[in-house]
Protein backbone atom coordinates (compact mmCIF):
# COMPACT_ATOMS: atom_id res chain seq x y z
CA MET A 1 93.76 144.80 31.13
CA ARG A 2 95.20 144.59 27.70
CA LYS A 3 94.64 147.56 25.43
CA GLY A 4 93.54 146.12 22.13
CA ILE A 5 93.37 149.11 19.81
CA GLU A 6 90.87 148.84 16.99
CA PRO A 7 89.84 151.36 14.32
CA THR A 8 87.17 153.74 15.53
CA ARG A 9 84.18 154.36 13.32
CA VAL A 10 82.83 157.81 12.69
CA GLU A 11 79.84 158.41 14.95
CA ARG A 12 76.64 160.24 14.14
CA GLU A 13 75.73 163.22 16.27
CA PRO A 14 74.23 162.18 19.61
CA GLU A 15 70.63 162.94 20.47
CA ARG A 16 70.29 166.49 21.73
CA TRP A 17 69.32 167.06 25.31
CA ILE A 18 69.42 170.62 26.53
CA ASP A 19 69.84 170.76 30.30
CA GLU A 20 69.25 174.11 31.99
CA GLY A 21 71.92 173.53 34.63
CA PRO A 22 75.20 171.71 35.21
CA ILE A 23 73.67 168.98 37.38
CA ARG A 24 74.08 166.20 34.86
CA GLU A 25 77.67 167.02 34.01
CA VAL A 26 78.68 166.62 37.64
CA ALA A 27 76.64 163.82 39.06
CA VAL A 28 75.69 160.77 37.03
CA ALA A 29 76.09 157.24 38.37
CA ALA A 30 77.18 155.39 35.28
CA THR A 31 79.68 158.17 34.45
CA GLU A 32 81.41 157.54 37.74
CA ARG A 33 81.31 153.76 37.27
CA ALA A 34 82.84 153.97 33.81
CA LYS A 35 85.39 156.54 34.93
CA PRO A 36 86.66 155.55 38.38
CA ALA A 37 88.54 158.06 40.49
CA ARG A 38 91.51 155.70 40.55
CA PRO A 39 92.07 153.87 37.25
CA ARG A 40 91.98 150.13 37.65
CA ARG A 41 94.95 147.95 36.78
CA HIS A 42 93.71 146.60 33.48
CA GLU A 43 95.93 143.56 33.58
CA ASN A 44 94.14 142.35 36.72
CA MET A 45 90.62 142.57 35.35
CA SER A 46 88.67 139.39 34.79
CA LEU A 47 85.11 138.44 33.95
CA ASP A 48 82.60 138.06 36.72
CA PRO A 49 82.54 134.32 37.56
CA GLU A 50 78.78 134.16 37.07
CA VAL A 51 79.11 135.71 33.61
CA LYS A 52 81.94 133.37 32.68
CA GLU A 53 79.94 130.36 33.81
CA LYS A 54 76.97 131.42 31.71
CA VAL A 55 79.11 131.80 28.59
CA GLU A 56 80.82 128.45 29.12
CA ALA A 57 77.48 126.71 29.60
CA SER A 58 76.18 127.77 26.19
CA LEU A 59 79.23 127.48 23.91
CA GLU A 60 81.86 124.91 23.13
CA PRO A 61 85.05 125.49 25.17
CA ARG A 62 87.28 127.12 22.55
CA ARG A 63 84.50 129.43 21.34
CA ALA A 64 83.51 130.28 24.90
CA ALA A 65 87.11 131.22 25.74
CA ARG A 66 87.42 133.41 22.65
CA LEU A 67 84.15 135.27 23.17
CA SER A 68 84.73 135.61 26.90
CA ASP A 69 88.01 137.33 26.12
CA ARG A 70 86.28 139.65 23.66
CA LEU A 71 83.70 140.57 26.31
CA LEU A 72 86.51 141.29 28.73
CA GLN A 73 88.18 143.51 26.14
CA ALA A 74 84.89 145.37 25.70
CA GLN A 75 84.72 145.95 29.46
CA ILE A 76 88.33 147.12 29.42
CA ALA A 77 87.55 149.57 26.61
CA LEU A 78 84.62 150.91 28.64
CA GLU A 79 86.85 151.43 31.68
CA ALA A 80 89.41 153.17 29.46
CA GLU A 81 86.69 155.49 28.07
CA ARG A 82 86.99 154.04 24.57
CA PHE A 83 83.23 153.98 24.35
CA THR A 84 82.90 153.46 20.60
CA ASP A 85 85.28 150.50 20.71
CA ALA A 86 83.49 149.04 23.73
CA ARG A 87 80.11 149.28 22.03
CA ARG A 88 81.37 147.79 18.78
CA MET A 89 83.00 144.83 20.49
CA ALA A 90 79.94 144.15 22.64
CA ASN A 91 77.60 144.45 19.65
CA SER A 92 79.66 141.81 17.83
CA LEU A 93 78.82 139.36 20.62
CA LEU A 94 75.05 139.73 20.44
CA LYS A 95 74.47 136.94 17.91
CA GLU A 96 75.93 134.26 20.19
CA MET A 97 75.70 135.89 23.61
CA SER A 98 72.41 137.77 23.65
CA HIS A 99 71.53 135.81 26.81
CA VAL A 100 74.48 137.31 28.72
CA SER A 101 73.48 140.44 30.63
CA ALA A 102 77.05 141.78 30.77
CA VAL A 103 77.04 142.19 26.98
CA HIS A 104 73.94 144.39 27.10
CA GLU A 105 75.36 146.29 30.05
CA VAL A 106 78.49 147.27 28.11
CA ILE A 107 76.36 148.30 25.13
CA GLY A 108 74.07 150.32 27.38
CA LEU A 109 76.81 152.10 29.30
CA SER A 110 78.79 152.83 26.14
CA ASN A 111 75.76 154.30 24.40
CA TYR A 112 75.00 156.30 27.52
CA ARG A 113 78.45 157.85 27.53
CA LEU A 114 78.05 158.60 23.82
CA GLY A 115 74.77 160.42 24.43
CA ARG A 116 72.61 157.83 22.67
CA TRP A 117 69.84 157.72 25.26
CA ARG A 118 67.28 155.47 23.54
CA GLU A 119 69.82 152.83 22.61
CA ALA A 120 71.33 152.98 26.07
CA ALA A 121 67.95 152.56 27.75
CA ALA A 122 66.98 149.66 25.48
CA ALA A 123 70.21 147.76 26.23
CA LEU A 124 70.09 148.44 29.95
CA GLU A 125 66.47 147.29 30.10
CA ILE A 126 67.51 143.97 28.56
CA ALA A 127 70.34 143.63 31.08
CA ARG A 128 67.89 144.53 33.83
CA SER A 129 65.50 141.77 32.76
CA GLN A 130 68.28 139.15 32.60
CA ARG A 131 70.21 139.97 35.75
CA GLY A 132 69.35 143.22 37.41
CA ARG A 133 72.26 145.24 38.78
CA VAL A 134 71.17 147.98 41.13
CA GLU A 135 74.30 149.97 40.20
CA ASP A 136 72.90 150.42 36.69
CA LEU A 137 69.49 151.70 37.76
CA PRO A 138 70.50 155.38 38.21
CA VAL A 139 72.04 155.25 34.73
CA LEU A 140 68.83 153.89 33.26
CA ALA A 141 66.84 156.53 35.12
CA ASP A 142 69.07 159.25 33.67
CA CYS A 143 68.46 157.90 30.18
CA TYR A 144 64.73 158.25 30.78
CA ARG A 145 65.31 161.71 32.21
CA ALA A 146 67.01 162.68 28.96
CA LEU A 147 64.03 161.30 27.04
CA LYS A 148 61.61 163.15 29.36
CA ARG A 149 59.96 159.90 30.39
CA TRP A 150 59.21 161.14 33.88
CA SER A 151 57.06 158.22 35.02
CA ALA A 152 59.88 155.80 34.17
CA VAL A 153 62.32 157.91 36.21
CA ASP A 154 59.95 157.86 39.18
CA GLU A 155 59.37 154.11 38.84
CA ILE A 156 63.09 153.35 38.91
CA TRP A 157 63.59 155.63 41.91
CA GLU A 158 60.94 153.67 43.81
CA GLU A 159 62.73 150.47 42.85
CA ILE A 160 66.07 151.81 44.08
CA LYS A 161 64.58 152.87 47.40
CA GLY A 162 62.94 149.47 47.81
CA ILE A 163 66.27 147.69 47.36
CA SER A 164 68.09 149.84 49.95
CA PRO A 165 71.42 149.77 48.05
CA SER A 166 74.76 151.33 48.97
CA HIS A 167 74.94 155.00 49.91
CA GLU A 168 76.68 155.72 46.61
CA VAL A 169 73.88 154.22 44.50
CA MET A 170 71.22 155.97 46.58
CA ALA A 171 73.06 159.25 46.07
CA GLU A 172 73.24 158.80 42.31
CA GLY A 173 69.58 157.87 42.12
CA ARG A 174 68.62 160.87 44.23
CA ILE A 175 70.67 163.20 42.02
CA VAL A 176 69.03 161.93 38.83
CA VAL A 177 65.53 162.22 40.28
CA ALA A 178 66.22 165.72 41.60
CA GLY A 179 67.45 166.73 38.16
CA SER A 180 64.31 165.23 36.67
CA LEU A 181 62.09 167.22 39.04
CA ALA A 182 63.99 170.39 38.17
CA ASP A 183 63.53 169.65 34.48
CA ARG A 184 59.79 169.45 35.12
CA GLY A 185 59.84 172.86 36.79
CA GLU A 186 59.42 171.39 40.27
CA LEU A 187 62.39 173.07 41.90
CA LYS A 188 60.93 173.03 45.42
CA GLU A 189 60.37 169.28 45.22
CA ALA A 190 63.88 168.78 43.85
CA ILE A 191 65.38 170.80 46.71
CA ASP A 192 63.27 168.97 49.30
CA LEU A 193 64.62 165.67 47.97
CA MET A 194 68.26 166.77 48.03
CA VAL A 195 68.02 168.43 51.47
CA ARG A 196 67.81 164.93 52.92
CA SER A 197 71.44 164.47 51.92
CA ALA A 198 72.64 167.80 53.34
CA ALA A 199 73.88 166.49 56.70
CA ILE A 200 77.65 166.44 57.16
CA PRO A 201 78.90 162.91 57.89
CA LYS A 202 81.94 162.01 59.97
CA LYS A 203 83.79 161.06 56.81
CA VAL A 204 83.00 163.03 53.64
CA ARG A 205 83.12 161.00 50.45
CA ASP A 206 82.78 161.90 46.79
CA HIS A 207 79.05 161.12 46.66
CA HIS A 208 78.46 163.63 49.47
CA LEU A 209 80.25 166.33 47.47
CA ARG A 210 78.19 165.58 44.37
CA GLN A 211 74.95 165.80 46.31
CA TRP A 212 75.93 169.07 47.98
CA TYR A 213 76.98 170.53 44.65
CA VAL A 214 73.65 169.59 43.10
CA LEU A 215 71.77 171.06 46.06
CA GLY A 216 73.79 174.27 45.68
CA ASP A 217 72.92 174.40 42.00
CA LEU A 218 69.22 173.90 42.75
CA TYR A 219 69.27 176.68 45.35
CA ASP A 220 70.98 178.94 42.81
CA ARG A 221 68.32 178.18 40.20
CA ALA A 222 65.60 178.82 42.76
CA GLY A 223 67.10 182.22 43.63
CA ASN A 224 68.23 181.29 47.14
CA LEU A 225 71.76 182.59 46.74
CA HIS A 226 72.60 182.40 50.45
CA LYS A 227 71.91 178.67 50.58
CA ALA A 228 73.62 178.15 47.23
CA ARG A 229 76.81 179.79 48.55
CA GLU A 230 76.61 177.70 51.70
CA MET A 231 76.50 174.44 49.73
CA PHE A 232 79.21 175.41 47.24
CA ARG A 233 81.50 176.61 50.03
CA ARG A 234 80.99 173.33 51.85
CA VAL A 235 82.05 171.45 48.73
CA ALA A 236 85.07 173.72 48.25
CA LEU A 237 86.11 173.26 51.88
CA HIS A 238 86.50 169.53 51.31
CA ASP A 239 87.67 169.67 47.68
CA PRO A 240 88.47 173.10 46.16
CA ASP A 241 89.08 171.43 42.77
CA PHE A 242 85.67 169.78 42.59
CA ALA A 243 84.12 170.58 39.19
CA ASP A 244 83.73 174.36 38.81
CA VAL A 245 82.84 175.00 42.44
CA GLU A 246 85.22 177.93 42.88
CA GLY A 247 83.72 179.61 39.84
CA ARG A 248 80.23 179.02 41.15
CA ILE A 249 81.14 180.64 44.45
CA ALA A 250 82.69 183.61 42.66
CA SER A 251 79.57 184.06 40.54
CA LEU A 252 77.41 184.38 43.66
CA ARG A 253 79.42 187.17 45.34
């Protein structure tokens, strides 16, 4: 990907959301999508063929090529964590490309990473209505969690379960819903939901660690320090540098 550097505007303060635990900081789907464990080679990125076809079908060739490139640059900025730039570039495409779901997706994910929950949810809902991507559903659910729209969180969780997506997407959805239940004061229900992910697989992946960490945090908040230590130690066994897991273990001694 090319790194087109553009001036960054001064942002207003994001909406405040006070979370009683570190769950959200560790385990959000869209955060992981926008910040991959291994940075992509930007120069190899290209638009999704379906997106490119939709742009080309609605604009004259030269204009389609120019705006397609700008959309690609917005996606590159999102990958590079230049969220303000990504949002600005995507917003500039709305007049001519409001029918392209990828534009709304970039706006939604950028706003999400900037802590602008309402704007993120609005953009992701438009993308969802145009071409639903199951990978974005946990992000949308987390926006509604931030806004305390519990019924919307539950509705999206039912949708995710009905689709039977990848293990990673299921894990992210489960984490968001568990956090939502904890926010509502339903710690037992949150723990019951996360316990389903407590089994140790043959090959431990990052989404397993995130789920175990969240379960450990929930046990800690519920006062079950023995179980909390068990979960945190399991995470540390596989990745001692995961988040603040060593500190969490030390705090429970």
